[in-house]
Amino acid sequence: GTYYRLENVKISNMEDNASADLKEELGQNTLSSVGGSLTNDHRDSTISPTKGWMSTVSSDVAGGPFAGDKDFYRLEANGSYYVPLKYSSVVELSARAGMADAYGDSNKVPIFERYFTGGARTIRGYDERGIGPMDSNTGDPIGGESIFTGSVEYTIPLIDVIKFAMFYDVGNVWSQYDDFLSNKLYSGTGIGFRIKTPIGPMNLDYGIPLDKA
């Protein structure tokens, strides 16, 4: 599908110890962008898949002919593959890659449109946004223009509504889009539970970082 986005981003009341990249965006910024995505879904279930695969490719362009205060473009791809095993257990293989870059009147992608990783649903075992570029003075995460994450997860039912899970995650974020996969990947592993609730599945995970971020 395709979409048009018009958004006003206002940043104010900033603390003195904020990162330099965040301070650069102080005030109001108007984002005007056009994007689209293509999804192929061949899973046997959208809620609790046990076999099949899904892939999504998306892109968007902000600024330029669409006006707005920021000029950048982005391309992303992600996918998952499910393998059924004995005792109704399932192995899920998933990956995500993304790149963004500024053009025109902008010399960098704004911090609120960059990639971040670390923490729940990305690379478990690390602090939220704890992997990737940091401000050299404050130590705050400032995100990057490219990202890669991958995961292997094994789940097996314990009872009807609870599954036990083991997982291994890997990935990183890089400052520049052309630094993609240029250096080490951080990894984490752990265990968890997948609980079926009336409002949808809930994940409870305990992750252990295998590298020093």
N, C-alpha and C. Protein backbone atom coordinates (compact mmCIF):
# COMPACT_ATOMS: atom_id res chain seq x y z
N GLY A 1 0.82 -1.18 0.00
CA GLY A 1 0.00 0.00 0.00
C GLY A 1 0.86 1.24 0.00
N THR A 2 0.26 2.39 -0.27
CA THR A 2 0.95 3.67 -0.28
C THR A 2 0.32 4.61 0.74
N TYR A 3 1.07 5.63 1.15
CA TYR A 3 0.55 6.58 2.11
C TYR A 3 1.24 7.94 1.95
N TYR A 4 0.61 8.97 2.46
CA TYR A 4 1.20 10.30 2.58
C TYR A 4 1.18 10.68 4.04
N ARG A 5 2.29 11.20 4.55
CA ARG A 5 2.37 11.58 5.96
C ARG A 5 2.75 13.05 6.08
N LEU A 6 1.97 13.79 6.85
CA LEU A 6 2.28 15.17 7.19
C LEU A 6 2.30 15.28 8.70
N GLU A 7 3.45 15.62 9.26
CA GLU A 7 3.61 15.59 10.71
C GLU A 7 4.39 16.80 11.17
N ASN A 8 3.96 17.39 12.28
CA ASN A 8 4.68 18.49 12.90
C ASN A 8 5.33 17.99 14.19
N VAL A 9 6.65 18.06 14.23
CA VAL A 9 7.40 17.58 15.39
C VAL A 9 7.91 18.79 16.17
N LYS A 10 7.48 18.91 17.42
CA LYS A 10 7.89 20.03 18.25
C LYS A 10 8.73 19.53 19.42
N ILE A 11 9.93 20.06 19.55
CA ILE A 11 10.83 19.69 20.64
C ILE A 11 11.10 20.94 21.46
N SER A 12 10.77 20.87 22.75
CA SER A 12 10.94 22.03 23.63
C SER A 12 11.26 21.57 25.04
N ASN A 13 11.48 22.52 25.92
CA ASN A 13 11.78 22.24 27.34
C ASN A 13 12.89 21.21 27.47
N MET A 14 13.94 21.39 26.71
CA MET A 14 15.04 20.42 26.67
C MET A 14 15.99 20.64 27.85
N GLU A 15 16.44 19.54 28.42
CA GLU A 15 17.41 19.64 29.51
C GLU A 15 18.78 20.05 28.98
N ASP A 16 19.57 20.67 29.83
CA ASP A 16 20.89 21.15 29.41
C ASP A 16 21.83 20.02 29.00
N ASN A 17 21.61 18.83 29.58
CA ASN A 17 22.51 17.71 29.28
C ASN A 17 22.02 16.83 28.14
N ALA A 18 21.12 17.34 27.32
CA ALA A 18 20.64 16.59 26.16
C ALA A 18 21.76 16.45 25.13
N SER A 19 21.66 15.44 24.28
CA SER A 19 22.68 15.21 23.26
C SER A 19 22.68 16.35 22.25
N ALA A 20 23.83 16.55 21.60
CA ALA A 20 23.96 17.62 20.61
C ALA A 20 23.01 17.41 19.44
N ASP A 21 22.82 16.14 19.03
CA ASP A 21 21.94 15.85 17.89
C ASP A 21 20.49 16.19 18.20
N LEU A 22 20.09 16.01 19.46
CA LEU A 22 18.73 16.37 19.86
C LEU A 22 18.58 17.89 19.95
N LYS A 23 19.61 18.58 20.46
CA LYS A 23 19.55 20.03 20.57
C LYS A 23 19.43 20.68 19.20
N GLU A 24 19.99 20.05 18.17
CA GLU A 24 19.91 20.59 16.82
C GLU A 24 18.46 20.66 16.32
N GLU A 25 17.60 19.82 16.88
CA GLU A 25 16.21 19.77 16.42
C GLU A 25 15.27 20.58 17.30
N LEU A 26 15.83 21.40 18.18
CA LEU A 26 15.00 22.22 19.06
C LEU A 26 14.08 23.13 18.24
N GLY A 27 12.82 23.16 18.61
CA GLY A 27 11.84 23.94 17.89
C GLY A 27 10.85 23.06 17.15
N GLN A 28 10.31 23.55 16.05
CA GLN A 28 9.31 22.82 15.28
C GLN A 28 9.86 22.41 13.93
N ASN A 29 9.53 21.19 13.52
CA ASN A 29 9.91 20.68 12.21
C ASN A 29 8.69 20.04 11.56
N THR A 30 8.47 20.36 10.31
CA THR A 30 7.38 19.77 9.56
C THR A 30 7.91 18.69 8.63
N LEU A 31 7.36 17.49 8.75
CA LEU A 31 7.75 16.38 7.90
C LEU A 31 6.63 16.11 6.90
N SER A 32 7.00 16.04 5.63
CA SER A 32 6.06 15.70 4.58
C SER A 32 6.67 14.59 3.75
N SER A 33 6.03 13.42 3.73
CA SER A 33 6.65 12.28 3.07
C SER A 33 5.61 11.41 2.37
N VAL A 34 6.08 10.68 1.38
CA VAL A 34 5.28 9.69 0.66
C VAL A 34 5.99 8.36 0.76
N GLY A 35 5.25 7.31 1.04
CA GLY A 35 5.86 5.99 1.18
C GLY A 35 4.96 4.88 0.69
N GLY A 36 5.51 3.70 0.66
CA GLY A 36 4.75 2.54 0.23
C GLY A 36 5.38 1.27 0.75
N SER A 37 4.61 0.20 0.77
CA SER A 37 5.12 -1.09 1.24
C SER A 37 4.46 -2.22 0.47
N LEU A 38 5.17 -3.33 0.42
CA LEU A 38 4.67 -4.53 -0.24
C LEU A 38 4.90 -5.71 0.70
N THR A 39 3.83 -6.42 1.04
CA THR A 39 3.91 -7.54 1.98
C THR A 39 3.44 -8.83 1.32
N ASN A 40 4.20 -9.89 1.55
CA ASN A 40 3.81 -11.25 1.16
C ASN A 40 3.69 -12.07 2.43
N ASP A 41 2.49 -12.57 2.71
CA ASP A 41 2.25 -13.31 3.94
C ASP A 41 1.74 -14.70 3.60
N HIS A 42 2.57 -15.71 3.86
CA HIS A 42 2.23 -17.10 3.58
C HIS A 42 2.28 -17.94 4.86
N ARG A 43 1.95 -17.32 6.00
CA ARG A 43 1.90 -18.03 7.27
C ARG A 43 0.55 -18.70 7.46
N ASP A 44 0.52 -19.72 8.30
CA ASP A 44 -0.75 -20.40 8.57
C ASP A 44 -1.59 -19.66 9.60
N SER A 45 -1.01 -18.65 10.27
CA SER A 45 -1.74 -17.86 11.26
C SER A 45 -1.04 -16.52 11.42
N THR A 46 -1.81 -15.45 11.60
CA THR A 46 -1.21 -14.14 11.83
C THR A 46 -0.91 -13.91 13.31
N ILE A 47 -1.55 -14.67 14.19
CA ILE A 47 -1.37 -14.48 15.64
C ILE A 47 -0.33 -15.44 16.20
N SER A 48 -0.42 -16.72 15.86
CA SER A 48 0.51 -17.72 16.38
C SER A 48 0.93 -18.67 15.25
N PRO A 49 1.76 -18.19 14.32
CA PRO A 49 2.13 -19.01 13.17
C PRO A 49 3.00 -20.20 13.56
N THR A 50 2.84 -21.30 12.83
CA THR A 50 3.66 -22.49 13.05
C THR A 50 4.42 -22.91 11.80
N LYS A 51 4.06 -22.37 10.65
CA LYS A 51 4.78 -22.68 9.42
C LYS A 51 4.51 -21.58 8.39
N GLY A 52 5.38 -21.52 7.39
CA GLY A 52 5.22 -20.52 6.34
C GLY A 52 6.22 -19.39 6.50
N TRP A 53 5.98 -18.32 5.75
CA TRP A 53 6.90 -17.19 5.78
C TRP A 53 6.16 -15.90 5.48
N MET A 54 6.80 -14.79 5.86
CA MET A 54 6.26 -13.47 5.58
C MET A 54 7.41 -12.53 5.28
N SER A 55 7.24 -11.63 4.32
CA SER A 55 8.25 -10.62 4.02
C SER A 55 7.58 -9.29 3.71
N THR A 56 8.26 -8.22 4.07
CA THR A 56 7.77 -6.87 3.81
C THR A 56 8.92 -6.00 3.33
N VAL A 57 8.70 -5.26 2.26
CA VAL A 57 9.65 -4.27 1.77
C VAL A 57 8.94 -2.93 1.75
N SER A 58 9.58 -1.90 2.30
CA SER A 58 8.94 -0.59 2.34
C SER A 58 9.96 0.51 2.07
N SER A 59 9.48 1.65 1.62
CA SER A 59 10.34 2.80 1.38
C SER A 59 9.53 4.07 1.54
N ASP A 60 10.20 5.17 1.87
CA ASP A 60 9.55 6.45 1.92
C ASP A 60 10.55 7.56 1.61
N VAL A 61 10.01 8.68 1.14
CA VAL A 61 10.81 9.85 0.80
C VAL A 61 10.17 11.06 1.45
N ALA A 62 10.99 11.82 2.18
CA ALA A 62 10.50 13.04 2.84
C ALA A 62 11.19 14.25 2.24
N GLY A 63 10.47 15.35 2.18
CA GLY A 63 11.04 16.59 1.67
C GLY A 63 11.12 16.62 0.16
N GLY A 64 12.08 17.37 -0.35
CA GLY A 64 12.23 17.49 -1.80
C GLY A 64 10.96 18.02 -2.43
N PRO A 65 10.40 17.30 -3.40
CA PRO A 65 9.17 17.76 -4.07
C PRO A 65 7.94 17.76 -3.17
N PHE A 66 8.06 17.11 -1.99
CA PHE A 66 6.92 17.02 -1.08
C PHE A 66 6.98 18.09 0.01
N ALA A 67 7.95 19.02 -0.11
CA ALA A 67 8.12 20.13 0.83
C ALA A 67 8.50 19.61 2.22
N GLY A 68 8.23 20.38 3.26
CA GLY A 68 8.66 20.00 4.60
C GLY A 68 10.05 20.53 4.90
N ASP A 69 10.45 20.38 6.17
CA ASP A 69 11.72 20.92 6.64
C ASP A 69 12.88 19.93 6.55
N LYS A 70 12.60 18.65 6.35
CA LYS A 70 13.65 17.64 6.34
C LYS A 70 13.60 16.84 5.04
N ASP A 71 14.79 16.61 4.47
CA ASP A 71 14.91 15.84 3.24
C ASP A 71 15.66 14.54 3.53
N PHE A 72 14.98 13.42 3.42
CA PHE A 72 15.64 12.13 3.61
C PHE A 72 14.80 11.04 2.95
N TYR A 73 15.45 9.92 2.69
CA TYR A 73 14.74 8.76 2.16
C TYR A 73 15.14 7.52 2.94
N ARG A 74 14.33 6.47 2.84
CA ARG A 74 14.55 5.29 3.67
C ARG A 74 14.08 4.05 2.91
N LEU A 75 14.79 2.96 3.11
CA LEU A 75 14.42 1.67 2.52
C LEU A 75 14.57 0.59 3.59
N GLU A 76 13.53 -0.23 3.77
CA GLU A 76 13.56 -1.27 4.80
C GLU A 76 13.05 -2.59 4.24
N ALA A 77 13.55 -3.67 4.82
CA ALA A 77 13.06 -5.01 4.48
C ALA A 77 13.10 -5.86 5.74
N ASN A 78 12.07 -6.67 5.94
CA ASN A 78 12.08 -7.62 7.06
C ASN A 78 11.32 -8.87 6.65
N GLY A 79 11.66 -9.95 7.31
CA GLY A 79 11.02 -11.21 6.99
C GLY A 79 11.12 -12.21 8.12
N SER A 80 10.24 -13.19 8.09
CA SER A 80 10.22 -14.27 9.08
C SER A 80 9.92 -15.59 8.39
N TYR A 81 10.53 -16.65 8.90
CA TYR A 81 10.32 -18.00 8.35
C TYR A 81 10.09 -18.95 9.51
N TYR A 82 9.05 -19.78 9.42
CA TYR A 82 8.65 -20.65 10.53
C TYR A 82 8.78 -22.12 10.12
N VAL A 83 9.41 -22.89 11.01
CA VAL A 83 9.64 -24.31 10.75
C VAL A 83 8.98 -25.13 11.86
N PRO A 84 7.97 -25.95 11.57
CA PRO A 84 7.35 -26.79 12.60
C PRO A 84 8.22 -28.00 12.92
N LEU A 85 8.28 -28.33 14.22
CA LEU A 85 9.06 -29.48 14.68
C LEU A 85 8.17 -30.37 15.55
N LYS A 86 8.78 -31.38 16.18
CA LYS A 86 8.03 -32.32 17.00
C LYS A 86 7.40 -31.62 18.20
N TYR A 87 6.35 -32.24 18.73
CA TYR A 87 5.65 -31.80 19.94
C TYR A 87 5.07 -30.38 19.77
N SER A 88 4.69 -30.05 18.55
CA SER A 88 4.09 -28.74 18.23
C SER A 88 5.04 -27.57 18.49
N SER A 89 6.32 -27.86 18.54
CA SER A 89 7.29 -26.78 18.70
C SER A 89 7.58 -26.13 17.35
N VAL A 90 8.10 -24.90 17.41
CA VAL A 90 8.33 -24.11 16.20
C VAL A 90 9.65 -23.36 16.32
N VAL A 91 10.40 -23.33 15.23
CA VAL A 91 11.58 -22.47 15.13
C VAL A 91 11.23 -21.30 14.22
N GLU A 92 11.45 -20.08 14.71
CA GLU A 92 11.22 -18.88 13.91
C GLU A 92 12.55 -18.21 13.60
N LEU A 93 12.82 -17.98 12.32
CA LEU A 93 13.99 -17.24 11.87
C LEU A 93 13.51 -15.90 11.33
N SER A 94 14.07 -14.81 11.83
CA SER A 94 13.62 -13.49 11.39
C SER A 94 14.80 -12.55 11.22
N ALA A 95 14.62 -11.56 10.35
CA ALA A 95 15.67 -10.57 10.11
C ALA A 95 15.04 -9.26 9.68
N ARG A 96 15.77 -8.17 9.95
CA ARG A 96 15.33 -6.83 9.53
C ARG A 96 16.55 -6.03 9.10
N ALA A 97 16.43 -5.31 8.01
CA ALA A 97 17.49 -4.43 7.53
C ALA A 97 16.88 -3.12 7.09
N GLY A 98 17.57 -2.02 7.35
CA GLY A 98 17.07 -0.72 6.96
C GLY A 98 18.19 0.26 6.72
N MET A 99 17.98 1.18 5.79
CA MET A 99 18.94 2.22 5.49
C MET A 99 18.20 3.53 5.25
N ALA A 100 18.78 4.63 5.71
CA ALA A 100 18.22 5.95 5.47
C ALA A 100 19.36 6.91 5.17
N ASP A 101 19.05 7.97 4.41
CA ASP A 101 20.09 8.94 4.09
C ASP A 101 19.43 10.29 3.82
N ALA A 102 20.16 11.35 4.12
CA ALA A 102 19.68 12.70 3.85
C ALA A 102 20.06 13.11 2.43
N TYR A 103 19.33 14.09 1.90
CA TYR A 103 19.65 14.63 0.58
C TYR A 103 19.16 16.07 0.53
N GLY A 104 19.41 16.73 -0.58
CA GLY A 104 18.89 18.08 -0.76
C GLY A 104 19.44 19.05 0.27
N ASP A 105 18.54 19.76 0.96
CA ASP A 105 18.94 20.77 1.92
C ASP A 105 19.32 20.21 3.29
N SER A 106 19.15 18.93 3.50
CA SER A 106 19.49 18.31 4.79
C SER A 106 20.84 17.61 4.70
N ASN A 107 21.65 17.74 5.75
CA ASN A 107 22.94 17.05 5.76
C ASN A 107 22.96 15.83 6.65
N LYS A 108 21.86 15.57 7.36
CA LYS A 108 21.76 14.35 8.17
C LYS A 108 20.29 14.01 8.40
N VAL A 109 20.03 12.74 8.64
CA VAL A 109 18.68 12.30 8.98
C VAL A 109 18.37 12.78 10.40
N PRO A 110 17.22 13.41 10.64
CA PRO A 110 16.91 13.91 11.99
C PRO A 110 16.88 12.77 13.00
N ILE A 111 17.26 13.07 14.22
CA ILE A 111 17.38 12.04 15.25
C ILE A 111 16.07 11.31 15.48
N PHE A 112 14.94 11.97 15.31
CA PHE A 112 13.65 11.31 15.56
C PHE A 112 13.21 10.42 14.40
N GLU A 113 14.03 10.32 13.33
CA GLU A 113 13.73 9.42 12.23
C GLU A 113 14.84 8.38 12.02
N ARG A 114 15.80 8.31 12.92
CA ARG A 114 16.90 7.36 12.80
C ARG A 114 16.51 6.01 13.39
N TYR A 115 17.40 5.04 13.20
CA TYR A 115 17.19 3.69 13.73
C TYR A 115 17.84 3.57 15.10
N PHE A 116 17.16 2.82 15.97
CA PHE A 116 17.68 2.49 17.29
C PHE A 116 17.46 1.00 17.52
N THR A 117 18.30 0.41 18.36
CA THR A 117 18.07 -0.99 18.69
C THR A 117 18.61 -1.30 20.09
N GLY A 118 18.28 -2.50 20.56
CA GLY A 118 18.60 -2.90 21.92
C GLY A 118 17.33 -2.95 22.74
N GLY A 119 17.15 -4.04 23.49
CA GLY A 119 15.99 -4.15 24.35
C GLY A 119 14.92 -5.06 23.78
N ALA A 120 13.73 -4.98 24.35
CA ALA A 120 12.62 -5.88 24.00
C ALA A 120 12.31 -5.83 22.51
N ARG A 121 12.09 -7.01 21.93
CA ARG A 121 11.70 -7.18 20.53
C ARG A 121 12.78 -6.76 19.53
N THR A 122 13.99 -6.47 20.01
CA THR A 122 15.09 -6.19 19.08
C THR A 122 16.26 -7.11 19.43
N ILE A 123 17.15 -6.63 20.31
CA ILE A 123 18.25 -7.47 20.79
C ILE A 123 18.11 -7.54 22.30
N ARG A 124 17.46 -8.59 22.75
CA ARG A 124 17.10 -8.72 24.15
C ARG A 124 18.33 -8.99 25.02
N GLY A 125 18.28 -8.46 26.25
CA GLY A 125 19.40 -8.56 27.16
C GLY A 125 20.14 -7.24 27.32
N TYR A 126 19.87 -6.28 26.43
CA TYR A 126 20.51 -4.97 26.49
C TYR A 126 19.48 -3.92 26.89
N ASP A 127 19.98 -2.76 27.34
CA ASP A 127 19.07 -1.65 27.66
C ASP A 127 18.34 -1.21 26.40
N GLU A 128 17.16 -0.62 26.60
CA GLU A 128 16.42 -0.06 25.48
C GLU A 128 17.28 1.00 24.78
N ARG A 129 17.42 0.85 23.45
CA ARG A 129 18.24 1.75 22.64
C ARG A 129 19.69 1.75 23.09
N GLY A 130 20.12 0.66 23.73
CA GLY A 130 21.45 0.61 24.32
C GLY A 130 22.56 0.18 23.37
N ILE A 131 22.23 -0.12 22.12
CA ILE A 131 23.23 -0.53 21.13
C ILE A 131 23.25 0.49 20.00
N GLY A 132 24.44 0.87 19.58
CA GLY A 132 24.57 1.80 18.47
C GLY A 132 25.25 3.09 18.88
N PRO A 133 25.26 4.09 17.98
CA PRO A 133 25.96 5.35 18.25
C PRO A 133 25.43 6.06 19.49
N MET A 134 26.37 6.61 20.26
CA MET A 134 26.05 7.38 21.46
C MET A 134 26.70 8.76 21.38
N ASP A 135 26.10 9.74 22.02
CA ASP A 135 26.70 11.05 22.11
C ASP A 135 27.98 10.96 22.94
N SER A 136 29.06 11.51 22.43
CA SER A 136 30.36 11.36 23.09
C SER A 136 30.43 12.08 24.43
N ASN A 137 29.58 13.08 24.63
CA ASN A 137 29.61 13.83 25.88
C ASN A 137 28.59 13.34 26.89
N THR A 138 27.38 13.06 26.44
CA THR A 138 26.31 12.69 27.38
C THR A 138 26.11 11.18 27.51
N GLY A 139 26.56 10.41 26.50
CA GLY A 139 26.33 8.97 26.51
C GLY A 139 24.93 8.59 26.09
N ASP A 140 24.13 9.55 25.62
CA ASP A 140 22.77 9.26 25.18
C ASP A 140 22.78 8.61 23.80
N PRO A 141 21.86 7.68 23.54
CA PRO A 141 21.77 7.10 22.19
C PRO A 141 21.31 8.15 21.19
N ILE A 142 21.96 8.19 20.03
CA ILE A 142 21.59 9.16 18.99
C ILE A 142 21.17 8.47 17.70
N GLY A 143 21.13 7.14 17.69
CA GLY A 143 20.63 6.42 16.54
C GLY A 143 21.57 6.46 15.35
N GLY A 144 21.16 5.81 14.27
CA GLY A 144 21.99 5.74 13.09
C GLY A 144 21.16 5.65 11.83
N GLU A 145 21.86 5.64 10.69
CA GLU A 145 21.20 5.62 9.39
C GLU A 145 21.03 4.21 8.83
N SER A 146 21.58 3.20 9.49
CA SER A 146 21.41 1.83 9.00
C SER A 146 21.30 0.87 10.17
N ILE A 147 20.56 -0.22 9.94
CA ILE A 147 20.31 -1.19 11.00
C ILE A 147 20.23 -2.60 10.42
N PHE A 148 20.68 -3.54 11.21
CA PHE A 148 20.43 -4.96 10.91
C PHE A 148 20.16 -5.68 12.22
N THR A 149 19.10 -6.46 12.25
CA THR A 149 18.85 -7.35 13.39
C THR A 149 18.39 -8.70 12.87
N GLY A 150 18.75 -9.74 13.59
CA GLY A 150 18.32 -11.09 13.25
C GLY A 150 18.01 -11.86 14.52
N SER A 151 17.17 -12.88 14.40
CA SER A 151 16.76 -13.63 15.58
C SER A 151 16.42 -15.07 15.23
N VAL A 152 16.76 -15.97 16.14
CA VAL A 152 16.31 -17.35 16.07
C VAL A 152 15.58 -17.64 17.37
N GLU A 153 14.35 -18.12 17.27
CA GLU A 153 13.55 -18.39 18.48
C GLU A 153 12.88 -19.76 18.37
N TYR A 154 13.00 -20.51 19.45
CA TYR A 154 12.37 -21.83 19.54
C TYR A 154 11.29 -21.78 20.60
N THR A 155 10.07 -22.19 20.25
CA THR A 155 8.97 -22.23 21.21
C THR A 155 8.34 -23.61 21.25
N ILE A 156 7.93 -24.01 22.45
CA ILE A 156 7.25 -25.30 22.62
C ILE A 156 6.12 -25.12 23.63
N PRO A 157 4.93 -25.63 23.35
CA PRO A 157 3.79 -25.46 24.27
C PRO A 157 4.02 -26.19 25.59
N LEU A 158 3.65 -25.55 26.69
CA LEU A 158 3.62 -26.18 28.00
C LEU A 158 2.20 -26.60 28.34
N ILE A 159 1.28 -25.65 28.20
CA ILE A 159 -0.15 -25.91 28.29
C ILE A 159 -0.81 -25.13 27.16
N ASP A 160 -2.12 -25.17 27.08
CA ASP A 160 -2.82 -24.55 25.94
C ASP A 160 -2.49 -23.09 25.74
N VAL A 161 -2.30 -22.36 26.83
CA VAL A 161 -2.14 -20.91 26.70
C VAL A 161 -0.72 -20.42 26.98
N ILE A 162 0.21 -21.31 27.26
CA ILE A 162 1.57 -20.90 27.59
C ILE A 162 2.58 -21.70 26.78
N LYS A 163 3.53 -20.99 26.17
CA LYS A 163 4.64 -21.62 25.47
C LYS A 163 5.95 -21.20 26.12
N PHE A 164 6.90 -22.12 26.16
CA PHE A 164 8.25 -21.82 26.63
C PHE A 164 9.09 -21.44 25.41
N ALA A 165 9.96 -20.44 25.57
CA ALA A 165 10.76 -19.96 24.44
C ALA A 165 12.23 -19.87 24.81
N MET A 166 13.08 -20.16 23.83
CA MET A 166 14.51 -19.89 23.90
C MET A 166 14.88 -19.07 22.67
N PHE A 167 15.74 -18.07 22.84
CA PHE A 167 16.02 -17.19 21.72
C PHE A 167 17.49 -16.76 21.67
N TYR A 168 17.90 -16.35 20.47
CA TYR A 168 19.22 -15.76 20.23
C TYR A 168 19.02 -14.59 19.26
N ASP A 169 19.44 -13.40 19.68
CA ASP A 169 19.29 -12.19 18.87
C ASP A 169 20.66 -11.64 18.50
N VAL A 170 20.73 -10.95 17.37
CA VAL A 170 21.98 -10.36 16.92
C VAL A 170 21.67 -9.11 16.12
N GLY A 171 22.58 -8.12 16.15
CA GLY A 171 22.35 -6.93 15.35
C GLY A 171 23.19 -5.75 15.78
N ASN A 172 22.97 -4.63 15.09
CA ASN A 172 23.67 -3.38 15.41
C ASN A 172 23.02 -2.25 14.62
N VAL A 173 23.39 -1.02 15.00
CA VAL A 173 23.00 0.19 14.27
C VAL A 173 24.28 0.94 13.95
N TRP A 174 24.34 1.52 12.73
CA TRP A 174 25.53 2.23 12.28
C TRP A 174 25.19 3.68 11.97
N SER A 175 26.15 4.58 12.21
CA SER A 175 25.92 6.02 12.03
C SER A 175 25.54 6.37 10.61
N GLN A 176 26.25 5.81 9.64
CA GLN A 176 26.03 6.14 8.23
C GLN A 176 25.42 4.95 7.50
N TYR A 177 24.65 5.24 6.47
CA TYR A 177 24.01 4.15 5.72
C TYR A 177 25.03 3.27 5.03
N ASP A 178 26.17 3.86 4.60
CA ASP A 178 27.17 3.04 3.90
C ASP A 178 28.09 2.30 4.86
N ASP A 179 27.85 2.43 6.18
CA ASP A 179 28.59 1.62 7.16
C ASP A 179 27.87 0.31 7.46
N PHE A 180 26.76 0.05 6.78
CA PHE A 180 25.93 -1.12 7.03
C PHE A 180 26.77 -2.40 7.07
N LEU A 181 26.67 -3.15 8.20
CA LEU A 181 27.41 -4.40 8.41
C LEU A 181 28.92 -4.22 8.36
N SER A 182 29.41 -3.00 8.67
CA SER A 182 30.84 -2.73 8.56
C SER A 182 31.64 -3.19 9.77
N ASN A 183 30.99 -3.41 10.91
CA ASN A 183 31.74 -3.89 12.07
C ASN A 183 30.88 -4.86 12.88
N LYS A 184 31.25 -5.08 14.12
CA LYS A 184 30.71 -6.19 14.89
C LYS A 184 29.19 -6.14 15.07
N LEU A 185 28.63 -7.31 15.27
CA LEU A 185 27.23 -7.46 15.62
C LEU A 185 27.15 -7.85 17.09
N TYR A 186 26.25 -7.22 17.80
CA TYR A 186 26.03 -7.56 19.21
C TYR A 186 24.98 -8.66 19.30
N SER A 187 25.16 -9.53 20.28
CA SER A 187 24.24 -10.66 20.40
C SER A 187 23.79 -10.84 21.84
N GLY A 188 22.63 -11.45 21.95
CA GLY A 188 22.07 -11.76 23.26
C GLY A 188 21.26 -13.04 23.18
N THR A 189 21.11 -13.70 24.29
CA THR A 189 20.34 -14.94 24.34
C THR A 189 19.51 -14.97 25.60
N GLY A 190 18.56 -15.89 25.66
CA GLY A 190 17.75 -15.96 26.86
C GLY A 190 16.57 -16.89 26.71
N ILE A 191 15.69 -16.85 27.69
CA ILE A 191 14.50 -17.68 27.72
C ILE A 191 13.29 -16.81 28.03
N GLY A 192 12.11 -17.36 27.79
CA GLY A 192 10.90 -16.60 28.07
C GLY A 192 9.66 -17.44 27.95
N PHE A 193 8.53 -16.78 28.04
CA PHE A 193 7.23 -17.44 27.92
C PHE A 193 6.35 -16.63 26.97
N ARG A 194 5.53 -17.34 26.20
CA ARG A 194 4.54 -16.72 25.32
C ARG A 194 3.17 -17.07 25.87
N ILE A 195 2.42 -16.07 26.32
CA ILE A 195 1.16 -16.28 27.02
C ILE A 195 0.01 -15.77 26.16
N LYS A 196 -0.95 -16.62 25.93
CA LYS A 196 -2.13 -16.27 25.15
C LYS A 196 -3.15 -15.61 26.07
N THR A 197 -3.54 -14.37 25.75
CA THR A 197 -4.50 -13.63 26.56
C THR A 197 -5.68 -13.21 25.69
N PRO A 198 -6.78 -12.79 26.31
CA PRO A 198 -7.96 -12.37 25.52
C PRO A 198 -7.68 -11.17 24.62
N ILE A 199 -6.65 -10.38 24.94
CA ILE A 199 -6.36 -9.20 24.12
C ILE A 199 -5.17 -9.43 23.19
N GLY A 200 -4.69 -10.68 23.13
CA GLY A 200 -3.59 -10.99 22.24
C GLY A 200 -2.42 -11.62 22.99
N PRO A 201 -1.39 -12.08 22.25
CA PRO A 201 -0.25 -12.74 22.89
C PRO A 201 0.60 -11.77 23.69
N MET A 202 1.17 -12.26 24.79
CA MET A 202 2.05 -11.46 25.64
C MET A 202 3.38 -12.20 25.79
N ASN A 203 4.49 -11.47 25.68
CA ASN A 203 5.82 -12.05 25.80
C ASN A 203 6.45 -11.65 27.13
N LEU A 204 7.02 -12.62 27.82
CA LEU A 204 7.82 -12.38 29.02
C LEU A 204 9.19 -12.98 28.76
N ASP A 205 10.23 -12.15 28.66
CA ASP A 205 11.56 -12.62 28.30
C ASP A 205 12.60 -12.21 29.32
N TYR A 206 13.61 -13.05 29.48
CA TYR A 206 14.80 -12.70 30.27
C TYR A 206 16.01 -12.90 29.36
N GLY A 207 16.67 -11.80 29.00
CA GLY A 207 17.78 -11.86 28.08
C GLY A 207 19.11 -11.63 28.75
N ILE A 208 20.15 -12.22 28.20
CA ILE A 208 21.53 -12.07 28.71
C ILE A 208 22.38 -11.53 27.57
N PRO A 209 23.02 -10.36 27.75
CA PRO A 209 23.90 -9.83 26.70
C PRO A 209 25.17 -10.67 26.60
N LEU A 210 25.60 -10.95 25.39
CA LEU A 210 26.81 -11.72 25.15
C LEU A 210 28.00 -10.85 24.75
N ASP A 211 27.76 -9.56 24.60
CA ASP A 211 28.82 -8.61 24.26
C ASP A 211 28.66 -7.37 25.14
N LYS A 212 29.72 -6.60 25.23
CA LYS A 212 29.70 -5.35 25.99
C LYS A 212 29.33 -4.22 25.06
N ALA A 213 28.18 -3.59 25.32
CA ALA A 213 27.73 -2.49 24.44
C ALA A 213 28.40 -1.19 24.84
